[in-house]
Amino acid sequence: MESILYNYYNSPLGEIELAANNDALLWVKFLETQKATKPKQTETESFLFKKTIEQFDLYFKKDLEVFDLPLAIHGTEFQKNVWQKLTLIPYSKTINYLTLAKQIGDVNATRAVASSNGKNRFCIIIPCHRVIGSDCSLTGYAGDIWRKKWLLEHETRNKNYQTDLFL
């Protein structure tokens, strides 16, 4: 069984739990939105956590648009495909679930795409917050809708994110 290391980042949106093994991040999640309430783990210092925190600092200062961190991505091939497509959505742009399903190659997979989006274990880093409803509504976000709205406004520098649909 691999050893899991933990650290925490105090973001403008609340505390984020960082978990890693010796090689890569295992998850990055808003602490208060995790389904199972558990005590905070003992924090460990590592180069990977230092690099992650530095990149989050730059992101929240609007000085970083794309994260460059090793991620241990676990999921089905379909989920991995969805998450890979999410990384291609440019900073400050949005896409809807139907268009994402079309990019995956199956217009009937909108619900599966939404489900995969919700299972993303790397909040902000894999930008699932950039996926919106077909009517430009802010639907579904594991980190709560208010955070999704905040992130989109942060990235668009307070422009109307609904006009920035990336297709």
Protein backbone atom coordinates (compact mmCIF):
# COMPACT_ATOMS: atom_id res chain seq x y z
CA MET A 1 0.00 0.00 0.00
CA GLU A 2 1.42 3.35 -1.01
CA SER A 3 2.03 6.03 1.56
CA ILE A 4 -0.10 9.15 1.13
CA LEU A 5 1.36 12.52 2.03
CA TYR A 6 -0.84 15.52 2.80
CA ASN A 7 -0.59 19.28 2.74
CA TYR A 8 -3.13 22.11 2.71
CA TYR A 9 -3.52 25.34 0.80
CA ASN A 10 -5.56 28.30 2.05
CA SER A 11 -7.16 29.60 -1.15
CA PRO A 12 -9.56 32.52 -1.52
CA LEU A 13 -12.25 29.84 -1.91
CA GLY A 14 -11.45 27.88 1.22
CA GLU A 15 -8.92 25.31 2.29
CA ILE A 16 -7.73 22.86 -0.35
CA GLU A 17 -6.40 19.44 0.59
CA LEU A 18 -3.39 18.26 -1.39
CA ALA A 19 -2.57 14.55 -1.36
CA ALA A 20 0.41 12.94 -3.05
CA ASN A 21 2.60 9.90 -3.19
CA ASN A 22 6.32 10.27 -3.76
CA ASP A 23 5.87 10.95 -7.49
CA ALA A 24 2.61 12.79 -8.17
CA LEU A 25 -0.47 14.46 -6.77
CA LEU A 26 -3.26 11.99 -5.98
CA TRP A 27 -5.97 14.60 -5.47
CA VAL A 28 -6.56 18.29 -4.92
CA LYS A 29 -9.97 18.95 -3.36
CA PHE A 30 -11.77 21.64 -1.43
CA LEU A 31 -11.64 20.33 2.12
CA GLU A 32 -15.15 21.37 3.14
CA THR A 33 -16.84 19.70 0.17
CA GLN A 34 -15.48 16.23 0.76
CA LYS A 35 -18.28 13.77 1.44
CA ALA A 36 -16.62 12.00 4.34
CA THR A 37 -15.74 14.29 7.20
CA LYS A 38 -12.33 13.36 8.47
CA PRO A 39 -9.74 15.09 10.59
CA LYS A 40 -6.99 16.97 8.82
CA GLN A 41 -3.95 14.83 8.24
CA THR A 42 -0.45 15.65 9.40
CA GLU A 43 1.14 18.02 6.92
CA THR A 44 4.25 16.88 5.10
CA GLU A 45 6.69 19.15 3.35
CA SER A 46 7.90 18.13 -0.10
CA PHE A 47 9.15 19.68 -3.32
CA LEU A 48 5.88 18.65 -5.02
CA PHE A 49 3.74 20.42 -2.42
CA LYS A 50 5.98 23.49 -2.59
CA LYS A 51 5.61 23.56 -6.39
CA THR A 52 1.83 23.05 -6.15
CA ILE A 53 1.42 25.87 -3.63
CA GLU A 54 3.61 28.18 -5.73
CA GLN A 55 1.46 27.46 -8.80
CA PHE A 56 -1.77 28.04 -6.86
CA ASP A 57 -0.38 31.35 -5.58
CA LEU A 58 0.41 32.40 -9.15
CA TYR A 59 -3.01 31.24 -10.40
CA PHE A 60 -4.86 33.26 -7.77
CA LYS A 61 -2.69 36.31 -8.60
CA LYS A 62 -3.72 35.81 -12.27
CA ASP A 63 -0.09 35.10 -13.21
CA LEU A 64 -0.61 31.43 -14.18
CA GLU A 65 -3.08 30.00 -16.67
CA VAL A 66 -1.91 26.39 -17.06
CA PHE A 67 -0.67 24.19 -14.24
CA ASP A 68 2.41 22.02 -14.75
CA LEU A 69 2.27 19.36 -12.06
CA PRO A 70 2.58 15.57 -12.09
CA LEU A 71 -0.86 14.01 -11.55
CA ALA A 72 -1.65 10.40 -10.73
CA ILE A 73 -4.82 10.06 -12.77
CA HIS A 74 -6.96 7.03 -11.99
CA GLY A 75 -10.23 6.28 -13.76
CA THR A 76 -11.78 4.54 -16.73
CA GLU A 77 -10.47 5.23 -20.21
CA PHE A 78 -13.61 7.28 -20.88
CA GLN A 79 -13.05 9.40 -17.75
CA LYS A 80 -9.38 9.91 -18.60
CA ASN A 81 -10.40 11.03 -22.09
CA VAL A 82 -12.87 13.56 -20.63
CA TRP A 83 -10.29 14.89 -18.16
CA GLN A 84 -7.69 15.20 -20.91
CA LYS A 85 -10.17 17.22 -23.00
CA LEU A 86 -10.79 19.49 -19.99
CA THR A 87 -7.11 20.41 -19.95
CA LEU A 88 -7.49 21.72 -23.51
CA ILE A 89 -10.13 24.32 -22.58
CA PRO A 90 -8.23 27.61 -22.67
CA TYR A 91 -8.01 29.78 -19.58
CA SER A 92 -10.97 32.20 -19.41
CA LYS A 93 -13.04 30.15 -21.88
CA THR A 94 -15.95 27.81 -21.30
CA ILE A 95 -17.48 24.84 -23.08
CA ASN A 96 -20.82 23.12 -22.60
CA TYR A 97 -21.35 19.46 -21.78
CA LEU A 98 -22.87 18.66 -25.20
CA THR A 99 -19.93 20.15 -27.09
CA LEU A 100 -17.54 18.24 -24.83
CA ALA A 101 -19.47 15.02 -25.57
CA LYS A 102 -19.15 15.76 -29.30
CA GLN A 103 -15.40 16.24 -28.87
CA ILE A 104 -15.24 12.86 -27.14
CA GLY A 105 -17.00 11.43 -30.21
CA ASP A 106 -20.44 10.60 -28.79
CA VAL A 107 -23.24 13.18 -28.77
CA ASN A 108 -25.27 10.80 -26.59
CA ALA A 109 -22.63 10.79 -23.85
CA THR A 110 -23.55 14.15 -22.29
CA ARG A 111 -24.56 12.60 -18.96
CA ALA A 112 -21.47 10.37 -18.89
CA VAL A 113 -19.33 13.43 -19.61
CA ALA A 114 -21.03 15.33 -16.78
CA SER A 115 -20.53 12.38 -14.44
CA SER A 116 -16.84 12.13 -15.35
CA ASN A 117 -16.49 15.86 -14.89
CA GLY A 118 -17.89 15.51 -11.37
CA LYS A 119 -15.35 12.79 -10.55
CA ASN A 120 -12.35 14.96 -11.39
CA ARG A 121 -10.00 14.69 -8.40
CA PHE A 122 -7.93 17.77 -9.28
CA CYS A 123 -10.01 20.90 -8.73
CA ILE A 124 -8.81 23.94 -10.65
CA ILE A 125 -5.76 22.08 -12.04
CA ILE A 126 -7.97 20.05 -14.39
CA PRO A 127 -10.42 22.86 -15.09
CA CYS A 128 -13.81 21.17 -14.82
CA HIS A 129 -15.20 24.53 -13.65
CA ARG A 130 -14.97 25.70 -17.29
CA VAL A 131 -17.80 23.37 -18.35
CA ILE A 132 -21.24 24.99 -18.29
CA GLY A 133 -24.77 24.11 -19.35
CA SER A 134 -25.94 24.44 -22.96
CA ASP A 135 -27.97 27.47 -21.89
CA CYS A 136 -24.82 28.99 -20.32
CA SER A 137 -26.05 28.19 -16.83
CA LEU A 138 -23.61 27.18 -14.11
CA THR A 139 -24.62 23.59 -13.59
CA GLY A 140 -22.90 20.98 -11.50
CA TYR A 141 -19.65 21.57 -9.71
CA ALA A 142 -18.30 19.32 -6.96
CA GLY A 143 -16.77 22.38 -5.29
CA ASP A 144 -20.18 24.11 -5.09
CA ILE A 145 -21.67 26.45 -7.71
CA TRP A 146 -20.53 29.62 -5.93
CA ARG A 147 -16.91 28.50 -6.34
CA LYS A 148 -17.47 27.74 -10.03
CA LYS A 149 -18.87 31.24 -10.51
CA TRP A 150 -15.96 32.77 -8.62
CA LEU A 151 -13.37 30.83 -10.65
CA LEU A 152 -14.95 31.77 -13.98
CA GLU A 153 -15.15 35.44 -12.99
CA HIS A 154 -11.56 35.30 -11.72
CA GLU A 155 -10.31 33.86 -15.01
CA THR A 156 -12.29 36.19 -17.23
CA ARG A 157 -11.18 39.21 -15.23
CA ASN A 158 -14.82 39.91 -14.41
CA LYS A 159 -16.02 39.78 -18.01
CA ASN A 160 -19.23 37.95 -18.74
CA TYR A 161 -18.04 34.33 -18.97
CA GLN A 162 -21.16 33.41 -20.93
CA THR A 163 -19.84 35.26 -23.98
CA ASP A 164 -16.57 33.32 -23.96
CA LEU A 165 -17.89 29.93 -25.03
CA PHE A 166 -15.03 27.82 -26.36
CA LEU A 167 -16.27 25.43 -29.02
